[in-house]
Amino acid sequence: MSEPLSQRQIQQTLYEYARELYMQAWVENGEEDEDPEIDEGLETFDYLYEHEAWPE
């Protein structure tokens, strides 16, 4: 029988899944003529996740 996941493992898994989905949307909704700024997308997601608000 396997051990149950800890709360931290579950939080990390959900964070990684949400980040992946956000980045998929970030790339898909970027300007067609420009390469999406991956670092900017990751920083934006991390800010939103931590502060629960858009950067000002």
PDB file of N, CA and C in Angstrom:
ATOM      1  N   MET A   1       0.843  -1.177   0.000  1.00  0.00           N
ATOM      2  CA  MET A   1       0.000   0.000   0.000  1.00  0.00           C
ATOM      3  C   MET A   1       0.895   1.250   0.000  1.00  0.00           C
ATOM      4  N   SER A   2       0.576   2.219  -0.808  1.00  0.00           N
ATOM      5  CA  SER A   2       1.393   3.427  -0.877  1.00  0.00           C
ATOM      6  C   SER A   2       0.969   4.408   0.219  1.00  0.00           C
ATOM      7  N   GLU A   3       1.928   5.258   0.581  1.00  0.00           N
ATOM      8  CA  GLU A   3       1.659   6.259   1.611  1.00  0.00           C
ATOM      9  C   GLU A   3       0.794   7.375   1.024  1.00  0.00           C
ATOM     10  N   PRO A   4      -0.093   7.946   1.823  1.00  0.00           N
ATOM     11  CA  PRO A   4      -0.893   9.074   1.322  1.00  0.00           C
ATOM     12  C   PRO A   4       0.002  10.289   1.082  1.00  0.00           C
ATOM     13  N   LEU A   5      -0.416  11.105   0.170  1.00  0.00           N
ATOM     14  CA  LEU A   5       0.344  12.324  -0.123  1.00  0.00           C
ATOM     15  C   LEU A   5       0.198  13.314   1.016  1.00  0.00           C
ATOM     16  N   SER A   6       1.249  14.060   1.263  1.00  0.00           N
ATOM     17  CA  SER A   6       1.187  15.104   2.280  1.00  0.00           C
ATOM     18  C   SER A   6       0.476  16.322   1.689  1.00  0.00           C
ATOM     19  N   GLN A   7       0.040  17.207   2.554  1.00  0.00           N
ATOM     20  CA  GLN A   7      -0.613  18.433   2.105  1.00  0.00           C
ATOM     21  C   GLN A   7       0.334  19.231   1.213  1.00  0.00           C
ATOM     22  N   ARG A   8       1.604  19.263   1.570  1.00  0.00           N
ATOM     23  CA  ARG A   8       2.602  20.011   0.781  1.00  0.00           C
ATOM     24  C   ARG A   8       2.744  19.419  -0.627  1.00  0.00           C
ATOM     25  N   GLN A   9       2.743  18.090  -0.720  1.00  0.00           N
ATOM     26  CA  GLN A   9       2.852  17.445  -2.036  1.00  0.00           C
ATOM     27  C   GLN A   9       1.640  17.773  -2.897  1.00  0.00           C
ATOM     28  N   ILE A  10       0.477  17.779  -2.292  1.00  0.00           N
ATOM     29  CA  ILE A  10      -0.750  18.100  -3.033  1.00  0.00           C
ATOM     30  C   ILE A  10      -0.717  19.546  -3.488  1.00  0.00           C
ATOM     31  N   GLN A  11      -0.320  20.466  -2.602  1.00  0.00           N
ATOM     32  CA  GLN A  11      -0.218  21.881  -2.967  1.00  0.00           C
ATOM     33  C   GLN A  11       0.769  22.079  -4.111  1.00  0.00           C
ATOM     34  N   GLN A  12       1.905  21.411  -4.052  1.00  0.00           N
ATOM     35  CA  GLN A  12       2.924  21.546  -5.091  1.00  0.00           C
ATOM     36  C   GLN A  12       2.423  21.016  -6.424  1.00  0.00           C
ATOM     37  N   THR A  13       1.730  19.897  -6.403  1.00  0.00           N
ATOM     38  CA  THR A  13       1.177  19.315  -7.622  1.00  0.00           C
ATOM     39  C   THR A  13       0.146  20.248  -8.254  1.00  0.00           C
ATOM     40  N   LEU A  14      -0.739  20.802  -7.436  1.00  0.00           N
ATOM     41  CA  LEU A  14      -1.753  21.728  -7.948  1.00  0.00           C
ATOM     42  C   LEU A  14      -1.121  23.014  -8.474  1.00  0.00           C
ATOM     43  N   TYR A  15      -0.095  23.524  -7.778  1.00  0.00           N
ATOM     44  CA  TYR A  15       0.615  24.715  -8.222  1.00  0.00           C
ATOM     45  C   TYR A  15       1.242  24.481  -9.599  1.00  0.00           C
ATOM     46  N   GLU A  16       1.929  23.357  -9.747  1.00  0.00           N
ATOM     47  CA  GLU A  16       2.592  23.046 -11.018  1.00  0.00           C
ATOM     48  C   GLU A  16       1.574  22.880 -12.148  1.00  0.00           C
ATOM     49  N   TYR A  17       0.440  22.261 -11.861  1.00  0.00           N
ATOM     50  CA  TYR A  17      -0.601  22.077 -12.874  1.00  0.00           C
ATOM     51  C   TYR A  17      -1.188  23.423 -13.284  1.00  0.00           C
ATOM     52  N   ALA A  18      -1.491  24.272 -12.312  1.00  0.00           N
ATOM     53  CA  ALA A  18      -2.040  25.591 -12.616  1.00  0.00           C
ATOM     54  C   ALA A  18      -1.047  26.429 -13.409  1.00  0.00           C
ATOM     55  N   ARG A  19       0.221  26.344 -13.046  1.00  0.00           N
ATOM     56  CA  ARG A  19       1.268  27.100 -13.749  1.00  0.00           C
ATOM     57  C   ARG A  19       1.387  26.634 -15.198  1.00  0.00           C
ATOM     58  N   GLU A  20       1.307  25.333 -15.402  1.00  0.00           N
ATOM     59  CA  GLU A  20       1.372  24.787 -16.755  1.00  0.00           C
ATOM     60  C   GLU A  20       0.194  25.266 -17.598  1.00  0.00           C
ATOM     61  N   LEU A  21      -1.005  25.233 -17.035  1.00  0.00           N
ATOM     62  CA  LEU A  21      -2.183  25.708 -17.771  1.00  0.00           C
ATOM     63  C   LEU A  21      -2.090  27.199 -18.076  1.00  0.00           C
ATOM     64  N   TYR A  22      -1.625  27.980 -17.112  1.00  0.00           N
ATOM     65  CA  TYR A  22      -1.473  29.416 -17.312  1.00  0.00           C
ATOM     66  C   TYR A  22      -0.501  29.694 -18.450  1.00  0.00           C
ATOM     67  N   MET A  23       0.610  28.975 -18.463  1.00  0.00           N
ATOM     68  CA  MET A  23       1.612  29.205 -19.497  1.00  0.00           C
ATOM     69  C   MET A  23       1.105  28.768 -20.872  1.00  0.00           C
ATOM     70  N   GLN A  24       0.300  27.723 -20.940  1.00  0.00           N
ATOM     71  CA  GLN A  24      -0.301  27.337 -22.217  1.00  0.00           C
ATOM     72  C   GLN A  24      -1.179  28.470 -22.731  1.00  0.00           C
ATOM     73  N   ALA A  25      -2.000  29.045 -21.854  1.00  0.00           N
ATOM     74  CA  ALA A  25      -2.857  30.166 -22.244  1.00  0.00           C
ATOM     75  C   ALA A  25      -2.014  31.387 -22.594  1.00  0.00           C
ATOM     76  N   TRP A  26      -0.932  31.623 -21.859  1.00  0.00           N
ATOM     77  CA  TRP A  26      -0.043  32.762 -22.103  1.00  0.00           C
ATOM     78  C   TRP A  26       0.522  32.688 -23.529  1.00  0.00           C
ATOM     79  N   VAL A  27       0.988  31.519 -23.918  1.00  0.00           N
ATOM     80  CA  VAL A  27       1.580  31.332 -25.244  1.00  0.00           C
ATOM     81  C   VAL A  27       0.500  31.428 -26.326  1.00  0.00           C
ATOM     82  N   GLU A  28      -0.636  30.785 -26.110  1.00  0.00           N
ATOM     83  CA  GLU A  28      -1.718  30.779 -27.111  1.00  0.00           C
ATOM     84  C   GLU A  28      -2.303  32.163 -27.342  1.00  0.00           C
ATOM     85  N   ASN A  29      -2.316  33.012 -26.322  1.00  0.00           N
ATOM     86  CA  ASN A  29      -2.942  34.329 -26.434  1.00  0.00           C
ATOM     87  C   ASN A  29      -1.954  35.449 -26.699  1.00  0.00           C
ATOM     88  N   GLY A  30      -0.705  35.099 -26.950  1.00  0.00           N
ATOM     89  CA  GLY A  30       0.305  36.115 -27.250  1.00  0.00           C
ATOM     90  C   GLY A  30       0.092  36.691 -28.641  1.00  0.00           C
ATOM     91  N   GLU A  31       0.796  37.759 -28.904  1.00  0.00           N
ATOM     92  CA  GLU A  31       0.730  38.379 -30.223  1.00  0.00           C
ATOM     93  C   GLU A  31       1.290  37.421 -31.271  1.00  0.00           C
ATOM     94  N   GLU A  32       0.638  37.352 -32.414  1.00  0.00           N
ATOM     95  CA  GLU A  32       1.058  36.413 -33.459  1.00  0.00           C
ATOM     96  C   GLU A  32       2.437  36.742 -34.024  1.00  0.00           C
ATOM     97  N   ASP A  33       2.776  38.017 -34.088  1.00  0.00           N
ATOM     98  CA  ASP A  33       4.035  38.430 -34.697  1.00  0.00           C
ATOM     99  C   ASP A  33       5.215  38.354 -33.736  1.00  0.00           C
ATOM    100  N   GLU A  34       4.957  38.112 -32.449  1.00  0.00           N
ATOM    101  CA  GLU A  34       6.025  38.140 -31.467  1.00  0.00           C
ATOM    102  C   GLU A  34       6.145  36.786 -30.768  1.00  0.00           C
ATOM    103  N   ASP A  35       7.369  36.475 -30.368  1.00  0.00           N
ATOM    104  CA  ASP A  35       7.567  35.299 -29.524  1.00  0.00           C
ATOM    105  C   ASP A  35       7.093  35.653 -28.119  1.00  0.00           C
ATOM    106  N   PRO A  36       6.367  34.763 -27.493  1.00  0.00           N
ATOM    107  CA  PRO A  36       5.913  35.075 -26.133  1.00  0.00           C
ATOM    108  C   PRO A  36       7.108  35.144 -25.177  1.00  0.00           C
ATOM    109  N   GLU A  37       7.053  36.062 -24.274  1.00  0.00           N
ATOM    110  CA  GLU A  37       8.096  36.210 -23.265  1.00  0.00           C
ATOM    111  C   GLU A  37       7.802  35.207 -22.153  1.00  0.00           C
ATOM    112  N   ILE A  38       8.430  34.051 -22.225  1.00  0.00           N
ATOM    113  CA  ILE A  38       8.174  32.971 -21.280  1.00  0.00           C
ATOM    114  C   ILE A  38       8.495  33.408 -19.856  1.00  0.00           C
ATOM    115  N   ASP A  39       9.635  34.055 -19.656  1.00  0.00           N
ATOM    116  CA  ASP A  39      10.006  34.498 -18.309  1.00  0.00           C
ATOM    117  C   ASP A  39       8.972  35.458 -17.741  1.00  0.00           C
ATOM    118  N   GLU A  40       8.460  36.347 -18.592  1.00  0.00           N
ATOM    119  CA  GLU A  40       7.450  37.307 -18.137  1.00  0.00           C
ATOM    120  C   GLU A  40       6.175  36.567 -17.716  1.00  0.00           C
ATOM    121  N   GLY A  41       5.787  35.564 -18.484  1.00  0.00           N
ATOM    122  CA  GLY A  41       4.612  34.782 -18.137  1.00  0.00           C
ATOM    123  C   GLY A  41       4.772  34.046 -16.816  1.00  0.00           C
ATOM    124  N   LEU A  42       5.951  33.453 -16.606  1.00  0.00           N
ATOM    125  CA  LEU A  42       6.211  32.738 -15.361  1.00  0.00           C
ATOM    126  C   LEU A  42       6.222  33.697 -14.168  1.00  0.00           C
ATOM    127  N   GLU A  43       6.839  34.852 -14.346  1.00  0.00           N
ATOM    128  CA  GLU A  43       6.877  35.842 -13.269  1.00  0.00           C
ATOM    129  C   GLU A  43       5.471  36.351 -12.947  1.00  0.00           C
ATOM    130  N   THR A  44       4.665  36.568 -13.978  1.00  0.00           N
ATOM    131  CA  THR A  44       3.297  37.030 -13.765  1.00  0.00           C
ATOM    132  C   THR A  44       2.496  35.985 -13.002  1.00  0.00           C
ATOM    133  N   PHE A  45       2.603  34.726 -13.410  1.00  0.00           N
ATOM    134  CA  PHE A  45       1.882  33.673 -12.709  1.00  0.00           C
ATOM    135  C   PHE A  45       2.310  33.606 -11.247  1.00  0.00           C
ATOM    136  N   ASP A  46       3.619  33.603 -11.011  1.00  0.00           N
ATOM    137  CA  ASP A  46       4.113  33.508  -9.637  1.00  0.00           C
ATOM    138  C   ASP A  46       3.618  34.676  -8.790  1.00  0.00           C
ATOM    139  N   TYR A  47       3.583  35.871  -9.369  1.00  0.00           N
ATOM    140  CA  TYR A  47       3.083  37.041  -8.639  1.00  0.00           C
ATOM    141  C   TYR A  47       1.605  36.865  -8.303  1.00  0.00           C
ATOM    142  N   LEU A  48       0.825  36.475  -9.306  1.00  0.00           N
ATOM    143  CA  LEU A  48      -0.609  36.267  -9.075  1.00  0.00           C
ATOM    144  C   LEU A  48      -0.846  35.212  -8.007  1.00  0.00           C
ATOM    145  N   TYR A  49      -0.099  34.144  -8.065  1.00  0.00           N
ATOM    146  CA  TYR A  49      -0.260  33.050  -7.114  1.00  0.00           C
ATOM    147  C   TYR A  49       0.074  33.511  -5.697  1.00  0.00           C
ATOM    148  N   GLU A  50       1.139  34.265  -5.563  1.00  0.00           N
ATOM    149  CA  GLU A  50       1.581  34.690  -4.240  1.00  0.00           C
ATOM    150  C   GLU A  50       0.719  35.807  -3.667  1.00  0.00           C
ATOM    151  N   HIS A  51       0.338  36.782  -4.510  1.00  0.00           N
ATOM    152  CA  HIS A  51      -0.366  37.981  -4.020  1.00  0.00           C
ATOM    153  C   HIS A  51      -1.868  37.956  -4.245  1.00  0.00           C
ATOM    154  N   GLU A  52      -2.342  37.026  -5.056  1.00  0.00           N
ATOM    155  CA  GLU A  52      -3.761  36.904  -5.389  1.00  0.00           C
ATOM    156  C   GLU A  52      -4.325  38.209  -5.971  1.00  0.00           C
ATOM    157  N   ALA A  53      -3.487  38.917  -6.733  1.00  0.00           N
ATOM    158  CA  ALA A  53      -3.886  40.156  -7.390  1.00  0.00           C
ATOM    159  C   ALA A  53      -2.923  40.419  -8.540  1.00  0.00           C
ATOM    160  N   TRP A  54      -3.380  41.213  -9.502  1.00  0.00           N
ATOM    161  CA  TRP A  54      -2.524  41.588 -10.629  1.00  0.00           C
ATOM    162  C   TRP A  54      -1.448  42.556 -10.166  1.00  0.00           C
ATOM    163  N   PRO A  55      -0.258  42.467 -10.769  1.00  0.00           N
ATOM    164  CA  PRO A  55       0.797  43.447 -10.431  1.00  0.00           C
ATOM    165  C   PRO A  55       0.358  44.846 -10.835  1.00  0.00           C
ATOM    166  N   GLU A  56       0.758  45.809 -10.057  1.00  0.00           N
ATOM    167  CA  GLU A  56       0.390  47.205 -10.364  1.00  0.00           C
ATOM    168  C   GLU A  56       1.480  47.899 -11.117  1.00  0.00           C
TER     169      GLU A  56
END
